Amino acid sequence: MPEQMTIDLSPAPLARATDPRTSFMAAAEAGAMAANHRARVLAVLKEAGKPLGAEQIADAIGLDAYQTRKRLPELQGLRLAALADGQRTTRTGRAERLWVAA
């Protein structure tokens, strides 16, 4: 059986050491949500097997496109996603970049 690779999609700390306790609580919640979104975005990219725009990814997982757009550069920084050649037109007529699983 092939060895499975574990990928850490957990977030960087979102609160400063000097922040109040409530900031740490909010940061933990936001960080968990972001990690969940990263995992879902990555799963769509892997399943698609072709370049997708943030809007297409968002539609596939039931998120808003802006939520997806925030996660793609994070996945790129983790070397789990990469920009693809080309672009597509969104519903509003704007161009958006295309992404693939790395």
C-alpha atoms as a PDB file:
ATOM      1  CA  MET A   1       0.000   0.000   0.000  1.00  0.00           C
ATOM      2  CA  PRO A   2       1.508   3.406  -0.955  1.00  0.00           C
ATOM      3  CA  GLU A   3       2.551   5.687   1.858  1.00  0.00           C
ATOM      4  CA  GLN A   4       0.156   8.613   2.323  1.00  0.00           C
ATOM      5  CA  MET A   5       1.570  12.101   2.619  1.00  0.00           C
ATOM      6  CA  THR A   6       0.133  14.309   5.336  1.00  0.00           C
ATOM      7  CA  ILE A   7      -0.266  17.960   4.421  1.00  0.00           C
ATOM      8  CA  ASP A   8      -0.509  20.594   7.131  1.00  0.00           C
ATOM      9  CA  LEU A   9      -3.162  23.092   6.051  1.00  0.00           C
ATOM     10  CA  SER A  10      -3.309  24.751   9.462  1.00  0.00           C
ATOM     11  CA  PRO A  11      -3.045  28.517   9.552  1.00  0.00           C
ATOM     12  CA  ALA A  12      -0.334  30.789  10.833  1.00  0.00           C
ATOM     13  CA  PRO A  13      -1.146  32.547  14.114  1.00  0.00           C
ATOM     14  CA  LEU A  14      -3.688  35.331  13.612  1.00  0.00           C
ATOM     15  CA  ALA A  15      -3.361  37.053  16.995  1.00  0.00           C
ATOM     16  CA  ARG A  16      -0.436  38.921  18.520  1.00  0.00           C
ATOM     17  CA  ALA A  17       0.957  38.051  21.939  1.00  0.00           C
ATOM     18  CA  THR A  18      -0.329  41.381  23.249  1.00  0.00           C
ATOM     19  CA  ASP A  19      -3.890  40.895  22.004  1.00  0.00           C
ATOM     20  CA  PRO A  20      -6.742  40.242  24.460  1.00  0.00           C
ATOM     21  CA  ARG A  21      -8.031  36.720  25.035  1.00  0.00           C
ATOM     22  CA  THR A  22     -11.046  37.331  22.810  1.00  0.00           C
ATOM     23  CA  SER A  23      -8.717  37.969  19.866  1.00  0.00           C
ATOM     24  CA  PHE A  24      -7.108  34.577  20.384  1.00  0.00           C
ATOM     25  CA  MET A  25     -10.521  32.937  20.475  1.00  0.00           C
ATOM     26  CA  ALA A  26     -11.574  34.678  17.240  1.00  0.00           C
ATOM     27  CA  ALA A  27      -8.247  33.844  15.596  1.00  0.00           C
ATOM     28  CA  ALA A  28      -8.617  30.160  16.424  1.00  0.00           C
ATOM     29  CA  GLU A  29     -12.082  30.066  14.902  1.00  0.00           C
ATOM     30  CA  ALA A  30     -11.024  31.969  11.784  1.00  0.00           C
ATOM     31  CA  GLY A  31      -7.927  29.817  11.395  1.00  0.00           C
ATOM     32  CA  ALA A  32      -9.914  26.602  11.517  1.00  0.00           C
ATOM     33  CA  MET A  33     -12.353  27.944   8.936  1.00  0.00           C
ATOM     34  CA  ALA A  34      -9.513  28.981   6.620  1.00  0.00           C
ATOM     35  CA  ALA A  35      -7.873  25.552   6.918  1.00  0.00           C
ATOM     36  CA  ASN A  36     -11.192  23.913   6.038  1.00  0.00           C
ATOM     37  CA  HIS A  37     -11.571  26.179   3.008  1.00  0.00           C
ATOM     38  CA  ARG A  38      -7.997  25.446   1.856  1.00  0.00           C
ATOM     39  CA  ALA A  39      -8.674  21.708   2.038  1.00  0.00           C
ATOM     40  CA  ARG A  40     -11.921  22.037   0.086  1.00  0.00           C
ATOM     41  CA  VAL A  41     -10.340  24.256  -2.589  1.00  0.00           C
ATOM     42  CA  LEU A  42      -7.444  21.833  -2.989  1.00  0.00           C
ATOM     43  CA  ALA A  43      -9.799  18.886  -3.305  1.00  0.00           C
ATOM     44  CA  VAL A  44     -11.694  20.598  -6.146  1.00  0.00           C
ATOM     45  CA  LEU A  45      -8.457  21.424  -7.967  1.00  0.00           C
ATOM     46  CA  LYS A  46      -7.234  17.842  -7.671  1.00  0.00           C
ATOM     47  CA  GLU A  47     -10.560  16.376  -8.776  1.00  0.00           C
ATOM     48  CA  ALA A  48     -10.947  18.729 -11.744  1.00  0.00           C
ATOM     49  CA  GLY A  49      -7.659  17.787 -13.356  1.00  0.00           C
ATOM     50  CA  LYS A  50      -7.836  20.974 -15.408  1.00  0.00           C
ATOM     51  CA  PRO A  51      -7.290  24.683 -14.732  1.00  0.00           C
ATOM     52  CA  LEU A  52     -10.113  26.419 -12.858  1.00  0.00           C
ATOM     53  CA  GLY A  53     -10.847  29.974 -11.849  1.00  0.00           C
ATOM     54  CA  ALA A  54     -11.748  30.980  -8.297  1.00  0.00           C
ATOM     55  CA  GLU A  55     -15.367  31.488  -9.311  1.00  0.00           C
ATOM     56  CA  GLN A  56     -15.592  27.929 -10.683  1.00  0.00           C
ATOM     57  CA  ILE A  57     -13.979  26.510  -7.556  1.00  0.00           C
ATOM     58  CA  ALA A  58     -16.336  28.497  -5.334  1.00  0.00           C
ATOM     59  CA  ASP A  59     -19.362  27.226  -7.245  1.00  0.00           C
ATOM     60  CA  ALA A  60     -18.180  23.636  -6.790  1.00  0.00           C
ATOM     61  CA  ILE A  61     -17.869  23.914  -3.002  1.00  0.00           C
ATOM     62  CA  GLY A  62     -20.586  26.411  -2.154  1.00  0.00           C
ATOM     63  CA  LEU A  63     -18.368  29.324  -1.139  1.00  0.00           C
ATOM     64  CA  ASP A  64     -18.269  32.888  -2.376  1.00  0.00           C
ATOM     65  CA  ALA A  65     -15.566  33.547  -4.958  1.00  0.00           C
ATOM     66  CA  TYR A  66     -13.837  36.071  -2.673  1.00  0.00           C
ATOM     67  CA  GLN A  67     -13.437  33.339  -0.032  1.00  0.00           C
ATOM     68  CA  THR A  68     -11.814  31.074  -2.591  1.00  0.00           C
ATOM     69  CA  ARG A  69      -9.576  33.843  -3.938  1.00  0.00           C
ATOM     70  CA  LYS A  70      -8.099  34.328  -0.457  1.00  0.00           C
ATOM     71  CA  ARG A  71      -7.135  30.653  -0.158  1.00  0.00           C
ATOM     72  CA  LEU A  72      -5.482  30.163  -3.556  1.00  0.00           C
ATOM     73  CA  PRO A  73      -2.329  32.235  -2.851  1.00  0.00           C
ATOM     74  CA  GLU A  74      -2.063  30.481   0.516  1.00  0.00           C
ATOM     75  CA  LEU A  75      -2.123  27.108  -1.245  1.00  0.00           C
ATOM     76  CA  GLN A  76       0.414  28.447  -3.717  1.00  0.00           C
ATOM     77  CA  GLY A  77       2.676  29.408  -0.821  1.00  0.00           C
ATOM     78  CA  LEU A  78       2.380  25.849   0.479  1.00  0.00           C
ATOM     79  CA  ARG A  79       3.271  24.626  -3.033  1.00  0.00           C
ATOM     80  CA  LEU A  80      -0.043  22.794  -3.289  1.00  0.00           C
ATOM     81  CA  ALA A  81      -1.551  24.964  -6.047  1.00  0.00           C
ATOM     82  CA  ALA A  82      -0.060  26.837  -8.959  1.00  0.00           C
ATOM     83  CA  LEU A  83      -1.124  29.389 -11.506  1.00  0.00           C
ATOM     84  CA  ALA A  84      -1.949  27.957 -14.901  1.00  0.00           C
ATOM     85  CA  ASP A  85      -1.604  29.580 -18.283  1.00  0.00           C
ATOM     86  CA  GLY A  86      -4.547  31.579 -19.506  1.00  0.00           C
ATOM     87  CA  GLN A  87      -7.530  33.204 -17.901  1.00  0.00           C
ATOM     88  CA  ARG A  88     -11.311  33.024 -17.976  1.00  0.00           C
ATOM     89  CA  THR A  89     -14.102  35.563 -17.887  1.00  0.00           C
ATOM     90  CA  THR A  90     -16.211  35.703 -14.716  1.00  0.00           C
ATOM     91  CA  ARG A  91     -19.969  36.242 -14.600  1.00  0.00           C
ATOM     92  CA  THR A  92     -19.344  39.970 -14.135  1.00  0.00           C
ATOM     93  CA  GLY A  93     -17.172  40.111 -17.269  1.00  0.00           C
ATOM     94  CA  ARG A  94     -13.832  40.441 -15.521  1.00  0.00           C
ATOM     95  CA  ALA A  95     -10.809  38.290 -16.217  1.00  0.00           C
ATOM     96  CA  GLU A  96      -9.616  35.889 -13.557  1.00  0.00           C
ATOM     97  CA  ARG A  97      -6.534  33.729 -13.323  1.00  0.00           C
ATOM     98  CA  LEU A  98      -6.639  29.959 -13.590  1.00  0.00           C
ATOM     99  CA  TRP A  99      -5.266  27.562 -10.988  1.00  0.00           C
ATOM    100  CA  VAL A 100      -4.254  23.885 -10.873  1.00  0.00           C
ATOM    101  CA  ALA A 101      -3.215  21.492  -8.119  1.00  0.00           C
ATOM    102  CA  ALA A 102       0.567  21.380  -7.922  1.00  0.00           C
END
